[in-house]
């Protein structure tokens, strides 16, 4: 049995009209991979962090469980943040490998109803992204960065 690489990352993006990136980082105990506070035309904060990442599909369930625990631990924060006109998106990034044969399944994702209910209750949006060849990341300006470039920077 061969184990194929299926790189993934689970990221979170927060936007708020008045919260500072440092206060978000402190409240959630997260180091941002990108953040900024715009003052023109209107003040708006952007904060992005990677919650989990892995290289194999066998790691995905454990990573998603850790994300659920993180979200549950911070339930009061989500209510307050979204209630103050903030926006939260959970982003599931996946590498989509090209099909070897026509009609072959190249991607499947199942999310339990309880998980989706919790996201909805907390006002958290869900985005699922598939990337051919590598899991893409976004820099602080919203520009896509390839995984190869990320490895070169570290």
N, C-alpha and C. Protein backbone atom coordinates (compact mmCIF):
# COMPACT_ATOMS: atom_id res chain seq x y z
N UNK A 1 0.84 -1.19 0.00
CA UNK A 1 0.00 0.00 0.00
C UNK A 1 0.88 1.25 0.00
N UNK A 2 0.66 2.13 -0.94
CA UNK A 2 1.42 3.36 -1.00
C UNK A 2 0.60 4.50 -0.39
N UNK A 3 1.30 5.37 0.29
CA UNK A 3 0.65 6.54 0.88
C UNK A 3 0.99 7.73 0.01
N UNK A 4 -0.02 8.36 -0.56
CA UNK A 4 0.23 9.50 -1.43
C UNK A 4 0.18 10.79 -0.64
N UNK A 5 0.94 11.74 -1.12
CA UNK A 5 0.92 13.06 -0.50
C UNK A 5 -0.33 13.80 -0.93
N UNK A 6 -1.00 14.39 0.03
CA UNK A 6 -2.16 15.23 -0.21
C UNK A 6 -2.07 16.44 0.70
N UNK A 7 -1.15 17.36 0.42
CA UNK A 7 -0.96 18.50 1.32
C UNK A 7 -2.25 19.29 1.53
N UNK A 8 -2.41 19.76 2.75
CA UNK A 8 -3.57 20.57 3.11
C UNK A 8 -3.17 21.57 4.18
N UNK A 9 -3.99 22.59 4.31
CA UNK A 9 -3.87 23.50 5.46
C UNK A 9 -5.28 23.95 5.84
N UNK A 10 -5.43 24.25 7.11
CA UNK A 10 -6.69 24.78 7.62
C UNK A 10 -6.35 26.14 8.20
N UNK A 11 -6.85 27.17 7.56
CA UNK A 11 -6.54 28.54 7.94
C UNK A 11 -7.77 29.24 8.48
N UNK A 12 -7.53 30.34 9.16
CA UNK A 12 -8.62 31.18 9.63
C UNK A 12 -8.31 32.62 9.25
N UNK A 13 -9.33 33.32 8.79
CA UNK A 13 -9.19 34.73 8.41
C UNK A 13 -10.25 35.51 9.18
N UNK A 14 -9.80 36.58 9.83
CA UNK A 14 -10.70 37.45 10.59
C UNK A 14 -10.59 38.86 10.06
N UNK A 15 -11.73 39.52 9.92
CA UNK A 15 -11.79 40.93 9.50
C UNK A 15 -12.70 41.66 10.49
N UNK A 16 -12.28 42.85 10.89
CA UNK A 16 -13.08 43.59 11.88
C UNK A 16 -12.90 45.09 11.67
N UNK A 17 -13.96 45.86 11.92
CA UNK A 17 -13.85 47.31 11.72
C UNK A 17 -13.07 48.04 12.81
N UNK A 18 -12.82 47.43 13.97
CA UNK A 18 -12.13 48.18 15.02
C UNK A 18 -11.10 47.39 15.83
N UNK A 19 -11.14 46.09 15.82
CA UNK A 19 -10.17 45.29 16.60
C UNK A 19 -8.79 45.34 15.97
N UNK A 20 -7.78 45.51 16.79
CA UNK A 20 -6.39 45.53 16.32
C UNK A 20 -5.89 44.10 16.14
N UNK A 21 -5.00 43.87 15.16
CA UNK A 21 -4.45 42.52 14.96
C UNK A 21 -3.80 41.96 16.23
N UNK A 22 -3.12 42.81 17.00
CA UNK A 22 -2.47 42.33 18.23
C UNK A 22 -3.49 41.82 19.25
N UNK A 23 -4.64 42.47 19.34
CA UNK A 23 -5.66 42.03 20.29
C UNK A 23 -6.26 40.69 19.86
N UNK A 24 -6.40 40.49 18.57
CA UNK A 24 -6.91 39.21 18.04
C UNK A 24 -5.89 38.11 18.34
N UNK A 25 -4.63 38.40 18.04
CA UNK A 25 -3.56 37.44 18.28
C UNK A 25 -3.50 37.02 19.75
N UNK A 26 -3.60 38.00 20.64
CA UNK A 26 -3.55 37.72 22.07
C UNK A 26 -4.78 36.93 22.53
N UNK A 27 -5.96 37.32 22.10
CA UNK A 27 -7.20 36.66 22.52
C UNK A 27 -7.25 35.21 22.09
N UNK A 28 -6.71 34.91 20.91
CA UNK A 28 -6.77 33.55 20.37
C UNK A 28 -5.47 32.77 20.55
N UNK A 29 -4.45 33.42 21.09
CA UNK A 29 -3.12 32.81 21.24
C UNK A 29 -2.62 32.27 19.90
N UNK A 30 -2.73 33.11 18.87
CA UNK A 30 -2.30 32.74 17.52
C UNK A 30 -1.26 33.72 17.01
N UNK A 31 -0.28 33.19 16.30
CA UNK A 31 0.68 34.04 15.61
C UNK A 31 0.15 34.22 14.19
N UNK A 32 -0.06 35.45 13.76
CA UNK A 32 -0.59 35.64 12.41
C UNK A 32 0.44 35.32 11.34
N UNK A 33 -0.04 34.81 10.22
CA UNK A 33 0.85 34.68 9.06
C UNK A 33 0.72 35.93 8.20
N UNK A 34 -0.32 36.70 8.48
CA UNK A 34 -0.52 37.97 7.81
C UNK A 34 -1.55 38.78 8.58
N UNK A 35 -1.27 40.07 8.74
CA UNK A 35 -2.25 40.95 9.39
C UNK A 35 -1.94 42.39 9.02
N UNK A 36 -2.97 43.21 9.03
CA UNK A 36 -2.82 44.63 8.81
C UNK A 36 -4.08 45.35 9.26
N UNK A 37 -3.93 46.62 9.49
CA UNK A 37 -5.06 47.48 9.84
C UNK A 37 -5.06 48.64 8.86
N UNK A 38 -6.08 48.71 8.03
CA UNK A 38 -6.20 49.78 7.04
C UNK A 38 -6.91 50.97 7.66
N UNK A 39 -6.48 52.16 7.29
CA UNK A 39 -7.13 53.37 7.80
C UNK A 39 -7.87 54.11 6.70
N UNK A 40 -7.54 53.82 5.45
CA UNK A 40 -8.17 54.51 4.33
C UNK A 40 -8.74 53.46 3.39
N UNK A 41 -9.93 53.55 2.88
CA UNK A 41 -10.90 54.61 3.09
C UNK A 41 -11.61 54.52 4.44
N UNK A 42 -11.70 53.34 5.01
CA UNK A 42 -12.28 53.19 6.34
C UNK A 42 -11.41 52.20 7.12
N UNK A 43 -11.37 52.36 8.42
CA UNK A 43 -10.55 51.46 9.22
C UNK A 43 -11.09 50.03 9.13
N UNK A 44 -10.22 49.08 8.89
CA UNK A 44 -10.60 47.68 8.78
C UNK A 44 -9.38 46.83 9.09
N UNK A 45 -9.54 45.84 9.94
CA UNK A 45 -8.44 44.96 10.33
C UNK A 45 -8.56 43.62 9.61
N UNK A 46 -7.41 43.10 9.19
CA UNK A 46 -7.32 41.79 8.56
C UNK A 46 -6.32 40.96 9.36
N UNK A 47 -6.69 39.72 9.67
CA UNK A 47 -5.83 38.82 10.44
C UNK A 47 -5.97 37.43 9.86
N UNK A 48 -4.86 36.79 9.53
CA UNK A 48 -4.88 35.45 8.94
C UNK A 48 -3.88 34.57 9.67
N UNK A 49 -4.29 33.33 9.99
CA UNK A 49 -3.39 32.40 10.67
C UNK A 49 -3.66 30.98 10.18
N UNK A 50 -2.63 30.16 10.22
CA UNK A 50 -2.76 28.74 9.90
C UNK A 50 -3.03 28.00 11.20
N UNK A 51 -4.14 27.27 11.24
CA UNK A 51 -4.51 26.51 12.43
C UNK A 51 -3.88 25.12 12.41
N UNK A 52 -3.85 24.49 11.25
CA UNK A 52 -3.29 23.15 11.10
C UNK A 52 -2.82 22.97 9.66
N UNK A 53 -1.83 22.09 9.49
CA UNK A 53 -1.41 21.72 8.15
C UNK A 53 -0.83 20.31 8.18
N UNK A 54 -0.83 19.69 7.03
CA UNK A 54 -0.29 18.34 6.93
C UNK A 54 -0.03 17.98 5.50
N UNK A 55 0.56 16.81 5.31
CA UNK A 55 0.91 16.36 3.96
C UNK A 55 0.17 15.11 3.51
N UNK A 56 -0.57 14.47 4.42
CA UNK A 56 -1.23 13.22 4.07
C UNK A 56 -2.68 13.23 4.50
N UNK A 57 -3.54 12.62 3.70
CA UNK A 57 -4.96 12.55 4.00
C UNK A 57 -5.20 11.87 5.36
N UNK A 58 -4.32 10.96 5.75
CA UNK A 58 -4.45 10.27 7.03
C UNK A 58 -4.31 11.23 8.22
N UNK A 59 -3.73 12.40 8.00
CA UNK A 59 -3.55 13.40 9.07
C UNK A 59 -4.75 14.36 9.17
N UNK A 60 -5.63 14.31 8.18
CA UNK A 60 -6.67 15.33 8.08
C UNK A 60 -7.70 15.28 9.21
N UNK A 61 -8.16 14.09 9.54
CA UNK A 61 -9.19 13.98 10.58
C UNK A 61 -8.68 14.52 11.92
N UNK A 62 -7.45 14.19 12.28
CA UNK A 62 -6.87 14.69 13.53
C UNK A 62 -6.72 16.21 13.49
N UNK A 63 -6.30 16.74 12.34
CA UNK A 63 -6.15 18.19 12.20
C UNK A 63 -7.49 18.89 12.35
N UNK A 64 -8.53 18.34 11.73
CA UNK A 64 -9.86 18.94 11.82
C UNK A 64 -10.40 18.86 13.25
N UNK A 65 -10.11 17.77 13.95
CA UNK A 65 -10.51 17.64 15.36
C UNK A 65 -9.86 18.73 16.21
N UNK A 66 -8.57 18.99 15.96
CA UNK A 66 -7.86 20.05 16.69
C UNK A 66 -8.47 21.42 16.40
N UNK A 67 -8.88 21.64 15.16
CA UNK A 67 -9.52 22.91 14.80
C UNK A 67 -10.85 23.06 15.53
N UNK A 68 -11.63 21.99 15.58
CA UNK A 68 -12.92 22.02 16.29
C UNK A 68 -12.69 22.36 17.76
N UNK A 69 -11.70 21.75 18.39
CA UNK A 69 -11.40 22.05 19.80
C UNK A 69 -11.00 23.52 19.98
N UNK A 70 -10.21 24.05 19.04
CA UNK A 70 -9.82 25.46 19.08
C UNK A 70 -11.06 26.35 18.97
N UNK A 71 -11.93 26.04 18.03
CA UNK A 71 -13.15 26.84 17.85
C UNK A 71 -14.03 26.78 19.10
N UNK A 72 -14.19 25.60 19.68
CA UNK A 72 -15.01 25.45 20.89
C UNK A 72 -14.42 26.22 22.07
N UNK A 73 -13.09 26.15 22.24
CA UNK A 73 -12.43 26.88 23.34
C UNK A 73 -12.66 28.38 23.24
N UNK A 74 -12.83 28.86 22.03
CA UNK A 74 -12.97 30.30 21.80
C UNK A 74 -14.39 30.70 21.41
N UNK A 75 -15.38 29.91 21.79
CA UNK A 75 -16.78 30.15 21.42
C UNK A 75 -17.25 31.55 21.83
N UNK A 76 -16.90 31.99 23.01
CA UNK A 76 -17.32 33.32 23.49
C UNK A 76 -16.69 34.42 22.62
N UNK A 77 -15.45 34.20 22.19
CA UNK A 77 -14.77 35.18 21.33
C UNK A 77 -15.53 35.33 20.01
N UNK A 78 -15.93 34.21 19.38
CA UNK A 78 -16.62 34.29 18.09
C UNK A 78 -17.92 35.07 18.21
N UNK A 79 -18.66 34.82 19.27
CA UNK A 79 -19.94 35.52 19.48
C UNK A 79 -19.70 37.01 19.60
N UNK A 80 -18.73 37.40 20.40
CA UNK A 80 -18.41 38.81 20.62
C UNK A 80 -17.86 39.45 19.33
N UNK A 81 -16.94 38.75 18.66
CA UNK A 81 -16.28 39.27 17.47
C UNK A 81 -17.27 39.49 16.33
N UNK A 82 -18.08 38.48 16.05
CA UNK A 82 -19.07 38.58 14.96
C UNK A 82 -20.17 39.56 15.34
N UNK A 83 -20.54 39.59 16.63
CA UNK A 83 -21.55 40.54 17.11
C UNK A 83 -21.10 41.99 16.98
N UNK A 84 -19.79 42.21 16.93
CA UNK A 84 -19.23 43.55 16.75
C UNK A 84 -18.91 43.84 15.29
N UNK A 85 -19.67 43.24 14.37
CA UNK A 85 -19.52 43.43 12.92
C UNK A 85 -18.25 42.81 12.34
N UNK A 86 -17.66 41.85 13.06
CA UNK A 86 -16.51 41.14 12.53
C UNK A 86 -16.93 40.00 11.62
N UNK A 87 -16.00 39.54 10.83
CA UNK A 87 -16.23 38.42 9.93
C UNK A 87 -15.15 37.38 10.16
N UNK A 88 -15.54 36.12 10.18
CA UNK A 88 -14.59 35.01 10.38
C UNK A 88 -14.82 33.98 9.30
N UNK A 89 -13.75 33.55 8.65
CA UNK A 89 -13.81 32.48 7.64
C UNK A 89 -12.82 31.39 8.01
N UNK A 90 -13.29 30.17 7.99
CA UNK A 90 -12.43 29.00 8.11
C UNK A 90 -12.16 28.55 6.68
N UNK A 91 -10.89 28.35 6.34
CA UNK A 91 -10.54 28.01 4.96
C UNK A 91 -9.83 26.66 4.94
N UNK A 92 -10.42 25.73 4.21
CA UNK A 92 -9.85 24.40 4.05
C UNK A 92 -9.17 24.37 2.68
N UNK A 93 -7.84 24.39 2.69
CA UNK A 93 -7.05 24.35 1.46
C UNK A 93 -6.59 22.93 1.19
N UNK A 94 -6.78 22.47 -0.03
CA UNK A 94 -6.39 21.11 -0.40
C UNK A 94 -5.66 21.10 -1.73
N UNK A 95 -4.68 20.22 -1.83
CA UNK A 95 -4.05 19.97 -3.11
C UNK A 95 -4.92 19.00 -3.88
N UNK A 96 -5.21 19.34 -5.11
CA UNK A 96 -5.99 18.47 -5.99
C UNK A 96 -5.03 17.93 -7.04
N UNK A 97 -4.76 16.63 -6.95
CA UNK A 97 -3.87 16.01 -7.92
C UNK A 97 -4.64 15.67 -9.18
N UNK A 98 -4.02 15.86 -10.34
CA UNK A 98 -4.69 15.53 -11.59
C UNK A 98 -5.09 14.05 -11.62
N UNK A 99 -6.20 13.77 -12.30
CA UNK A 99 -6.69 12.39 -12.43
C UNK A 99 -5.78 11.61 -13.36
N UNK A 100 -5.55 10.34 -13.00
CA UNK A 100 -4.76 9.48 -13.88
C UNK A 100 -5.63 8.92 -14.99
N UNK A 101 -6.90 8.67 -14.66
CA UNK A 101 -7.82 8.13 -15.65
C UNK A 101 -9.10 8.96 -15.64
N UNK A 102 -9.74 9.06 -16.79
CA UNK A 102 -10.99 9.79 -16.90
C UNK A 102 -12.04 9.20 -15.96
N UNK A 103 -12.77 10.03 -15.28
CA UNK A 103 -13.81 9.56 -14.38
C UNK A 103 -13.33 9.19 -13.00
N UNK A 104 -12.03 9.27 -12.75
CA UNK A 104 -11.47 8.94 -11.45
C UNK A 104 -11.71 10.09 -10.47
N UNK A 105 -12.13 9.76 -9.25
CA UNK A 105 -12.38 10.80 -8.25
C UNK A 105 -11.05 11.42 -7.83
N UNK A 106 -11.00 12.75 -7.80
CA UNK A 106 -9.76 13.42 -7.40
C UNK A 106 -9.91 14.19 -6.09
N UNK A 107 -11.14 14.33 -5.60
CA UNK A 107 -11.32 15.06 -4.34
C UNK A 107 -12.67 14.73 -3.74
N UNK A 108 -12.67 14.47 -2.43
CA UNK A 108 -13.91 14.25 -1.70
C UNK A 108 -13.70 14.80 -0.29
N UNK A 109 -14.69 15.50 0.20
CA UNK A 109 -14.62 16.06 1.54
C UNK A 109 -15.97 15.89 2.20
N UNK A 110 -15.99 15.26 3.36
CA UNK A 110 -17.22 15.12 4.13
C UNK A 110 -17.09 15.95 5.40
N UNK A 111 -18.08 16.78 5.67
CA UNK A 111 -18.12 17.57 6.90
C UNK A 111 -19.40 17.21 7.63
N UNK A 112 -19.26 16.80 8.88
CA UNK A 112 -20.40 16.34 9.67
C UNK A 112 -21.38 17.49 9.92
N UNK A 113 -22.67 17.18 9.95
CA UNK A 113 -23.67 18.21 10.22
C UNK A 113 -23.42 18.97 11.52
N UNK A 114 -22.94 18.30 12.55
CA UNK A 114 -22.67 18.98 13.83
C UNK A 114 -21.59 20.05 13.66
N UNK A 115 -20.57 19.76 12.86
CA UNK A 115 -19.50 20.72 12.60
C UNK A 115 -20.05 21.94 11.86
N UNK A 116 -20.85 21.68 10.85
CA UNK A 116 -21.43 22.78 10.07
C UNK A 116 -22.41 23.60 10.93
N UNK A 117 -23.15 22.94 11.80
CA UNK A 117 -24.07 23.63 12.71
C UNK A 117 -23.29 24.56 13.64
N UNK A 118 -22.18 24.06 14.20
CA UNK A 118 -21.36 24.89 15.10
C UNK A 118 -20.81 26.11 14.37
N UNK A 119 -20.30 25.92 13.16
CA UNK A 119 -19.79 27.07 12.40
C UNK A 119 -20.89 28.10 12.20
N UNK A 120 -22.08 27.64 11.85
CA UNK A 120 -23.21 28.53 11.64
C UNK A 120 -23.59 29.25 12.94
N UNK A 121 -23.64 28.52 14.04
CA UNK A 121 -23.99 29.11 15.34
C UNK A 121 -23.02 30.23 15.71
N UNK A 122 -21.74 30.03 15.45
CA UNK A 122 -20.72 31.03 15.80
C UNK A 122 -20.57 32.11 14.73
N UNK A 123 -21.28 31.99 13.62
CA UNK A 123 -21.19 32.98 12.56
C UNK A 123 -19.91 32.87 11.74
N UNK A 124 -19.35 31.67 11.67
CA UNK A 124 -18.10 31.45 10.95
C UNK A 124 -18.42 30.90 9.56
N UNK A 125 -17.88 31.57 8.54
CA UNK A 125 -18.05 31.12 7.17
C UNK A 125 -17.07 29.99 6.86
N UNK A 126 -17.37 29.22 5.85
CA UNK A 126 -16.52 28.10 5.44
C UNK A 126 -16.19 28.25 3.97
N UNK A 127 -14.89 28.14 3.67
CA UNK A 127 -14.44 28.17 2.28
C UNK A 127 -13.58 26.94 2.05
N UNK A 128 -13.87 26.18 1.01
CA UNK A 128 -13.07 25.02 0.64
C UNK A 128 -12.39 25.36 -0.67
N UNK A 129 -11.07 25.26 -0.69
CA UNK A 129 -10.30 25.63 -1.87
C UNK A 129 -9.44 24.45 -2.31
N UNK A 130 -9.45 24.16 -3.57
CA UNK A 130 -8.60 23.12 -4.13
C UNK A 130 -7.55 23.76 -5.03
N UNK A 131 -6.31 23.34 -4.84
CA UNK A 131 -5.20 23.90 -5.62
C UNK A 131 -4.53 22.76 -6.37
N UNK A 132 -4.31 22.93 -7.64
CA UNK A 132 -3.61 21.92 -8.42
C UNK A 132 -2.12 22.10 -8.24
N UNK A 133 -1.46 21.07 -7.79
CA UNK A 133 0.00 21.10 -7.68
C UNK A 133 0.54 21.49 -6.32
N UNK A 134 -0.11 22.39 -5.61
CA UNK A 134 0.37 22.77 -4.28
C UNK A 134 -0.74 23.49 -3.54
N UNK A 135 -0.62 23.48 -2.23
CA UNK A 135 -1.57 24.23 -1.41
C UNK A 135 -1.11 25.67 -1.42
N UNK A 136 -1.96 26.56 -1.88
CA UNK A 136 -1.61 27.97 -1.96
C UNK A 136 -1.85 28.65 -0.61
N UNK A 137 -1.07 29.64 -0.34
CA UNK A 137 -1.25 30.47 0.84
C UNK A 137 -1.41 31.91 0.36
N UNK A 138 -1.91 32.76 1.21
CA UNK A 138 -2.12 34.16 0.87
C UNK A 138 -1.25 35.01 1.77
N UNK A 139 -0.53 35.97 1.18
CA UNK A 139 0.31 36.85 1.99
C UNK A 139 -0.54 37.97 2.59
N UNK A 140 0.09 38.89 3.29
CA UNK A 140 -0.66 39.92 4.01
C UNK A 140 -1.42 40.88 3.10
N UNK A 141 -1.07 40.93 1.84
CA UNK A 141 -1.78 41.78 0.88
C UNK A 141 -2.86 41.01 0.12
N UNK A 142 -3.03 39.71 0.45
CA UNK A 142 -4.03 38.90 -0.23
C UNK A 142 -3.50 38.24 -1.49
N UNK A 143 -2.19 38.36 -1.77
CA UNK A 143 -1.59 37.77 -2.95
C UNK A 143 -1.25 36.30 -2.68
N UNK A 144 -1.54 35.42 -3.63
CA UNK A 144 -1.28 33.99 -3.45
C UNK A 144 0.21 33.70 -3.46
N UNK A 145 0.64 32.81 -2.55
CA UNK A 145 2.03 32.39 -2.45
C UNK A 145 2.04 30.87 -2.61
N UNK A 146 2.86 30.34 -3.49
CA UNK A 146 2.91 28.90 -3.67
C UNK A 146 3.65 28.24 -2.52
N UNK A 147 3.39 26.96 -2.27
CA UNK A 147 4.05 26.21 -1.20
C UNK A 147 5.56 26.17 -1.44
N UNK A 148 6.01 26.08 -2.69
CA UNK A 148 7.44 26.05 -3.00
C UNK A 148 8.11 27.34 -2.54
N UNK A 149 7.45 28.47 -2.75
CA UNK A 149 8.01 29.75 -2.32
C UNK A 149 8.05 29.84 -0.81
N UNK A 150 7.04 29.28 -0.14
CA UNK A 150 7.01 29.29 1.32
C UNK A 150 8.18 28.50 1.88
N UNK A 151 8.47 27.33 1.31
CA UNK A 151 9.60 26.51 1.77
C UNK A 151 10.91 27.23 1.56
N UNK A 152 11.03 27.95 0.44
CA UNK A 152 12.25 28.69 0.14
C UNK A 152 12.49 29.82 1.14
N UNK A 153 11.39 30.41 1.65
CA UNK A 153 11.51 31.52 2.60
C UNK A 153 11.89 31.05 3.99
N UNK A 154 11.56 29.80 4.35
CA UNK A 154 11.84 29.33 5.71
C UNK A 154 13.19 28.71 5.86
